Protein backbone atom coordinates (compact mmCIF):
# COMPACT_ATOMS: atom_id res chain seq x y z
CA MET A 1 55.62 18.90 41.51
CA ALA A 2 54.06 22.28 40.23
CA ASN A 3 52.14 21.31 37.23
CA GLY A 4 50.16 18.52 39.24
CA ARG A 5 52.09 15.69 37.27
CA SER A 6 53.09 12.48 38.94
CA GLY A 7 55.81 12.16 36.49
CA LYS A 8 54.58 8.63 35.37
CA ASN A 9 55.74 8.03 32.04
CA ASN A 10 52.33 7.91 29.63
CA SER A 11 53.29 4.36 27.86
CA SER A 12 51.74 2.90 31.26
CA PRO A 13 50.00 -0.22 30.34
CA ARG A 14 46.25 1.85 31.53
CA TRP A 15 46.93 3.99 28.48
CA ALA A 16 47.91 1.48 25.87
CA LEU A 17 44.78 -0.59 27.01
CA GLY A 18 42.91 2.17 26.70
CA TRP A 19 44.54 2.80 22.87
CA LEU A 20 44.29 -1.37 22.16
CA ILE A 21 40.32 -1.25 22.90
CA VAL A 22 39.61 2.09 20.65
CA LEU A 23 41.20 -0.20 18.09
CA LEU A 24 40.07 -2.80 18.37
CA VAL A 25 36.13 -1.30 18.50
CA ILE A 26 36.86 0.66 14.82
CA GLY A 27 38.05 -3.25 13.57
CA ILE A 28 35.21 -4.53 14.77
CA VAL A 29 33.56 -1.63 13.28
CA ILE A 30 34.96 -2.09 9.73
CA PHE A 31 34.59 -5.87 9.93
CA ALA A 32 30.93 -4.93 10.38
CA ILE A 33 30.65 -2.67 7.52
CA VAL A 34 32.54 -4.76 4.91
CA ILE A 35 29.77 -7.80 6.09
CA THR A 36 27.02 -6.35 5.30
CA ASN A 37 28.25 -4.71 2.01
CA LEU A 38 29.32 -8.21 0.77
CA ILE A 39 25.82 -9.71 2.05
CA PHE A 40 23.94 -6.68 0.10
CA ILE A 41 26.36 -7.28 -2.96
CA VAL A 42 25.41 -11.18 -2.67
CA GLU A 43 21.46 -10.21 -2.81
CA ILE A 44 21.89 -7.88 -5.53
CA LYS A 45 23.31 -10.54 -7.86
CA ASP A 46 20.48 -12.94 -6.93
CA ASN A 47 17.73 -10.40 -7.68
CA GLN A 48 19.81 -9.91 -10.74
CA SER A 49 20.04 -13.38 -11.72
CA PRO A 50 17.35 -14.99 -14.12
CA HIS A 51 14.07 -15.84 -12.58
CA CYS A 52 12.74 -19.63 -13.75
CA TYR A 53 9.22 -19.33 -14.16
CA ARG A 54 7.51 -23.24 -15.30
CA ILE A 55 5.45 -23.32 -17.83
CA PHE A 56 2.36 -25.86 -18.80
CA GLY A 57 -0.44 -24.89 -20.57
CA THR A 58 -3.47 -26.50 -22.80
CA GLY A 59 -5.60 -26.03 -25.36
CA GLN A 60 -8.13 -25.87 -22.10
CA ASP A 61 -6.07 -23.10 -21.07
CA GLU A 62 -6.89 -21.24 -24.20
CA THR A 63 -10.63 -20.90 -23.59
CA HIS A 64 -12.37 -17.09 -24.83
CA GLU A 65 -15.98 -16.91 -23.77
CA GLY A 66 -18.34 -16.93 -27.25
CA GLU A 67 -16.10 -17.65 -29.23
CA ALA A 68 -16.57 -20.18 -32.23
CA ALA A 69 -14.82 -22.08 -34.58
CA PRO A 70 -12.28 -21.39 -35.71
CA PHE A 71 -11.51 -19.80 -32.76
CA TYR A 72 -11.14 -21.95 -30.31
CA PRO A 73 -8.02 -23.33 -29.04
CA ASP A 74 -6.66 -26.13 -30.00
CA PHE A 75 -7.91 -28.90 -27.10
CA GLY A 76 -5.17 -31.21 -27.31
CA GLY A 77 -2.32 -29.66 -27.48
CA LEU A 78 0.15 -29.03 -24.66
CA VAL A 79 3.27 -26.85 -23.98
CA LYS A 80 6.01 -27.00 -21.22
CA GLY A 81 9.11 -26.16 -20.10
CA GLU A 82 10.67 -22.98 -18.86
CA ILE A 83 10.84 -19.50 -19.61
CA PHE A 84 14.07 -17.20 -18.05
CA VAL A 85 13.82 -13.49 -17.11
CA GLY A 86 16.50 -11.39 -16.27
CA ASP A 87 19.45 -9.35 -17.10
CA PHE A 88 17.00 -7.42 -19.48
CA CYS A 89 16.98 -10.75 -21.20
CA ILE A 90 14.54 -13.91 -22.07
CA SER A 91 15.28 -16.89 -22.74
CA TRP A 92 13.19 -20.24 -22.94
CA ASN A 93 13.29 -24.03 -23.16
CA LEU A 94 9.78 -25.38 -24.50
CA VAL A 95 8.60 -28.82 -25.73
CA TYR A 96 4.94 -29.05 -27.34
CA PHE A 97 2.67 -31.84 -27.99
CA ASN A 98 0.46 -33.19 -30.39
CA LEU A 99 -0.79 -29.73 -31.90
CA THR A 100 -3.22 -30.00 -35.14
CA SER A 101 -0.34 -27.82 -36.89
CA PRO A 102 2.88 -26.68 -35.89
CA PRO A 103 3.38 -23.41 -34.69
CA THR A 104 3.28 -20.02 -36.25
CA ALA A 105 4.01 -17.68 -33.10
CA MET A 106 5.13 -17.36 -29.72
CA HIS A 107 4.40 -14.29 -27.41
CA ILE A 108 4.00 -13.39 -23.98
CA HIS A 109 0.76 -11.74 -23.51
CA GLY A 110 -0.23 -8.99 -20.32
CA LEU A 111 -0.94 -7.08 -18.22
CA VAL A 112 -4.14 -9.51 -17.61
CA HIS A 113 -6.71 -8.90 -15.13
CA GLU A 114 -7.76 -11.21 -12.92
CA ASN A 115 -9.88 -13.30 -14.84
CA MET A 116 -7.13 -15.15 -17.41
CA THR A 117 -9.49 -15.03 -20.42
CA ASP A 118 -9.59 -11.44 -20.49
CA TRP A 119 -7.63 -9.92 -23.66
CA ALA A 120 -4.16 -9.11 -23.24
CA PRO A 121 -1.91 -7.29 -25.69
CA ILE A 122 1.71 -8.93 -26.83
CA PHE A 123 3.61 -7.94 -24.30
CA ILE A 124 7.08 -9.50 -25.63
CA ASP A 125 6.98 -11.44 -29.30
CA MET A 126 8.99 -14.72 -28.99
CA GLY A 127 9.40 -15.55 -32.34
CA ILE A 128 9.54 -19.41 -33.52
CA LYS A 129 12.44 -21.13 -34.87
CA GLY A 130 12.76 -24.71 -35.50
CA ALA A 131 8.84 -25.31 -34.88
CA MET A 132 8.61 -28.23 -38.08
CA GLY A 133 5.55 -30.68 -36.43
CA ILE A 134 2.89 -30.71 -34.33
CA SER A 135 5.19 -31.85 -31.23
CA GLY A 136 8.69 -30.76 -31.04
CA GLN A 137 11.54 -28.74 -28.85
CA LEU A 138 11.46 -24.32 -28.85
CA ILE A 139 14.82 -23.97 -27.52
CA HIS A 140 16.09 -20.53 -27.19
CA LYS A 141 19.14 -20.36 -24.98
CA ASP A 142 20.83 -16.85 -26.35
CA CYS A 143 19.25 -13.42 -24.84
CA LEU A 144 16.03 -12.12 -26.33
CA GLU A 145 16.56 -8.50 -25.14
CA ILE A 146 13.72 -6.83 -23.54
CA SER A 147 13.28 -3.44 -21.58
CA TYR A 148 14.24 -2.64 -18.03
CA GLU A 149 10.30 -1.86 -18.04
CA LYS A 150 9.08 -5.15 -19.86
CA GLU A 151 11.46 -7.18 -16.40
CA PHE A 152 10.59 -5.12 -14.15
CA ALA A 153 6.92 -5.58 -14.91
CA ILE A 154 7.17 -9.29 -15.15
CA LEU A 155 9.49 -9.78 -12.06
CA ALA A 156 6.78 -7.68 -10.24
CA ARG A 157 3.83 -9.40 -11.07
CA PRO A 158 4.10 -12.32 -13.26
CA GLU A 159 1.23 -14.39 -12.42
CA SER A 160 -0.15 -11.13 -14.91
CA PHE A 161 1.68 -12.11 -17.72
CA PHE A 162 0.71 -15.77 -19.82
CA LEU A 163 2.29 -17.54 -22.94
CA ASN A 164 0.75 -17.97 -25.89
CA VAL A 165 1.48 -20.38 -28.39
CA HIS A 166 -0.26 -19.97 -31.86
CA ASN A 167 -0.62 -22.00 -35.00
CA GLU A 168 -2.52 -22.21 -38.63
CA ALA A 169 -5.25 -23.78 -37.12
CA PHE A 170 -5.44 -21.80 -34.42
CA PRO A 171 -4.44 -18.12 -34.97
CA ASN A 172 -6.11 -16.36 -31.72
CA GLY A 173 -4.08 -18.88 -29.64
CA ALA A 174 -3.95 -22.51 -29.79
CA VAL A 175 -2.33 -22.85 -25.71
CA ARG A 176 -1.65 -21.17 -23.01
CA SER A 177 0.43 -21.00 -19.97
CA PRO A 178 0.65 -18.59 -17.09
CA LEU A 179 3.86 -17.43 -16.15
CA GLY A 180 3.36 -17.29 -12.03
CA THR A 181 4.79 -20.23 -11.03
CA ARG A 182 8.43 -20.18 -10.34
CA CYS A 183 11.19 -23.26 -10.86
């Protein structure tokens, strides 16, 4: 043969095996890409789901150095429950006990310094709906919209924020709880 070919057909088993290996490698690469993307999507979804923070605070957590009555907190008062932050929303399920008077306002304050007695501006005004007595429940299942910046700030450093419940007897704050503990 003048062209150096042996006259064998190109459909030999060796040629087919080579193409089979190439196709198998391409399939494995595609499978790895799909699995990696699915894991990434699940991680993103998990990070976007509401983050739960336990609330447990008393009037003693509300102490302010050097303040005299009526600015002392409601020492017998207690607030506990959960606050949910995510998807540019905040919602809550809280109970309060033994306040001197019914709640009149509720806010998340922040960013605070390491000393929780530092004053911090109102970060999110949560309002008060349904607060009737000195003990009761505050539930907001619907979305109270918050900005991306506020959500990101809370999720990045929840320990720098606190819930503050005010009442008529203690207008500067009756009870307080940090947001730092995850549910």
